[in-house]
Amino acid sequence: MYVELRSSTNFQVGDRVLILRPFYVTGKIGIICDVENSQPTRWIIKVDSRESDENIVVSLSAKEFQALSKDEKVD
């Protein structure tokens, strides 16, 4: 599967991301659902339901995921 990545750290709710860590969701696609009001900033990401049989939501720092290109965005 070919996935185009963005290098920007200007993430937005609704962006699709490739999860890099933690290990149990590494390589899965997720959608940013919200941002936590914390320092450093953490992002609430829901793993795409097509990527997992479970409903998984994780809180990740920007180092733990990579944004996909805008044209890869989900409705």
C-alpha atoms as a PDB file:
ATOM      1  CA  MET A   1       0.000   0.000   0.000  1.00  0.00           C
ATOM      2  CA  TYR A   2       1.372   3.417  -0.998  1.00  0.00           C
ATOM      3  CA  VAL A   3       0.728   6.278   1.428  1.00  0.00           C
ATOM      4  CA  GLU A   4       1.840   9.873   0.873  1.00  0.00           C
ATOM      5  CA  LEU A   5       2.994  11.580   4.081  1.00  0.00           C
ATOM      6  CA  ARG A   6       3.082  15.249   5.051  1.00  0.00           C
ATOM      7  CA  SER A   7       5.969  16.702   7.016  1.00  0.00           C
ATOM      8  CA  SER A   8       3.935  19.533   8.558  1.00  0.00           C
ATOM      9  CA  THR A   9       3.116  19.571  12.257  1.00  0.00           C
ATOM     10  CA  ASN A  10       0.051  21.776  11.705  1.00  0.00           C
ATOM     11  CA  PHE A  11      -2.409  19.019  12.483  1.00  0.00           C
ATOM     12  CA  GLN A  12      -6.167  19.525  12.435  1.00  0.00           C
ATOM     13  CA  VAL A  13      -9.179  17.605  13.662  1.00  0.00           C
ATOM     14  CA  GLY A  14     -10.239  15.336  10.789  1.00  0.00           C
ATOM     15  CA  ASP A  15      -6.711  14.736   9.460  1.00  0.00           C
ATOM     16  CA  ARG A  16      -5.806  11.134   8.647  1.00  0.00           C
ATOM     17  CA  VAL A  17      -2.564   9.945  10.198  1.00  0.00           C
ATOM     18  CA  LEU A  18      -0.232   6.976  10.111  1.00  0.00           C
ATOM     19  CA  ILE A  19       0.401   5.815  13.684  1.00  0.00           C
ATOM     20  CA  LEU A  20       4.068   5.151  14.484  1.00  0.00           C
ATOM     21  CA  ARG A  21       3.734   4.162  18.166  1.00  0.00           C
ATOM     22  CA  PRO A  22       2.717   2.528  20.472  1.00  0.00           C
ATOM     23  CA  PHE A  23       3.491  -0.909  19.103  1.00  0.00           C
ATOM     24  CA  TYR A  24      -0.062  -2.294  19.338  1.00  0.00           C
ATOM     25  CA  VAL A  25      -1.327   0.239  16.763  1.00  0.00           C
ATOM     26  CA  THR A  26       1.891   0.854  14.770  1.00  0.00           C
ATOM     27  CA  GLY A  27       1.207   1.057  11.047  1.00  0.00           C
ATOM     28  CA  LYS A  28      -2.517   1.635  11.425  1.00  0.00           C
ATOM     29  CA  ILE A  29      -4.374   4.617   9.982  1.00  0.00           C
ATOM     30  CA  GLY A  30      -6.192   6.910  12.384  1.00  0.00           C
ATOM     31  CA  ILE A  31      -8.228  10.098  12.369  1.00  0.00           C
ATOM     32  CA  ILE A  32      -7.522  13.047  14.671  1.00  0.00           C
ATOM     33  CA  CYS A  33     -10.660  13.570  16.758  1.00  0.00           C
ATOM     34  CA  ASP A  34      -9.535  16.221  19.243  1.00  0.00           C
ATOM     35  CA  VAL A  35      -6.556  17.904  20.853  1.00  0.00           C
ATOM     36  CA  GLU A  36      -5.824  17.697  24.572  1.00  0.00           C
ATOM     37  CA  ASN A  37      -5.218  20.883  26.501  1.00  0.00           C
ATOM     38  CA  SER A  38      -1.827  19.786  27.819  1.00  0.00           C
ATOM     39  CA  GLN A  39       1.860  20.598  27.531  1.00  0.00           C
ATOM     40  CA  PRO A  40       3.282  19.156  25.420  1.00  0.00           C
ATOM     41  CA  THR A  41       0.247  18.925  23.146  1.00  0.00           C
ATOM     42  CA  ARG A  42      -1.301  15.494  22.744  1.00  0.00           C
ATOM     43  CA  TRP A  43      -3.779  14.449  20.100  1.00  0.00           C
ATOM     44  CA  ILE A  44      -6.791  12.151  20.467  1.00  0.00           C
ATOM     45  CA  ILE A  45      -6.726   9.729  17.538  1.00  0.00           C
ATOM     46  CA  LYS A  46      -9.324   7.097  16.671  1.00  0.00           C
ATOM     47  CA  VAL A  47      -7.952   4.111  14.786  1.00  0.00           C
ATOM     48  CA  ASP A  48      -9.813   3.703  11.488  1.00  0.00           C
ATOM     49  CA  SER A  49     -12.450   1.004  12.001  1.00  0.00           C
ATOM     50  CA  ARG A  50     -11.351  -0.627   8.733  1.00  0.00           C
ATOM     51  CA  GLU A  51      -7.894  -1.069  10.298  1.00  0.00           C
ATOM     52  CA  SER A  52      -9.055  -2.881  13.457  1.00  0.00           C
ATOM     53  CA  ASP A  53     -11.908  -5.061  14.703  1.00  0.00           C
ATOM     54  CA  GLU A  54     -11.941  -3.018  17.908  1.00  0.00           C
ATOM     55  CA  ASN A  55     -12.825   0.601  18.647  1.00  0.00           C
ATOM     56  CA  ILE A  56      -9.436   1.997  19.654  1.00  0.00           C
ATOM     57  CA  VAL A  57      -8.775   5.592  20.703  1.00  0.00           C
ATOM     58  CA  VAL A  58      -5.286   6.709  21.689  1.00  0.00           C
ATOM     59  CA  SER A  59      -3.699   9.901  23.015  1.00  0.00           C
ATOM     60  CA  LEU A  60      -0.469  10.559  21.121  1.00  0.00           C
ATOM     61  CA  SER A  61       2.233  13.201  20.945  1.00  0.00           C
ATOM     62  CA  ALA A  62       3.143  14.610  17.525  1.00  0.00           C
ATOM     63  CA  LYS A  63       6.234  12.355  17.460  1.00  0.00           C
ATOM     64  CA  GLU A  64       4.048   9.244  17.584  1.00  0.00           C
ATOM     65  CA  PHE A  65       2.208   9.733  14.293  1.00  0.00           C
ATOM     66  CA  GLN A  66       2.707  11.151  10.792  1.00  0.00           C
ATOM     67  CA  ALA A  67       0.037  13.101   8.909  1.00  0.00           C
ATOM     68  CA  LEU A  68      -1.111  11.752   5.564  1.00  0.00           C
ATOM     69  CA  SER A  69      -1.412  14.052   2.576  1.00  0.00           C
ATOM     70  CA  LYS A  70      -4.489  16.271   2.443  1.00  0.00           C
ATOM     71  CA  ASP A  71      -5.884  14.434  -0.577  1.00  0.00           C
ATOM     72  CA  GLU A  72      -5.879  11.251   1.529  1.00  0.00           C
ATOM     73  CA  LYS A  73      -8.360  12.878   3.987  1.00  0.00           C
ATOM     74  CA  VAL A  74     -11.547  11.064   5.077  1.00  0.00           C
ATOM     75  CA  ASP A  75     -15.012  12.684   5.083  1.00  0.00           C
END
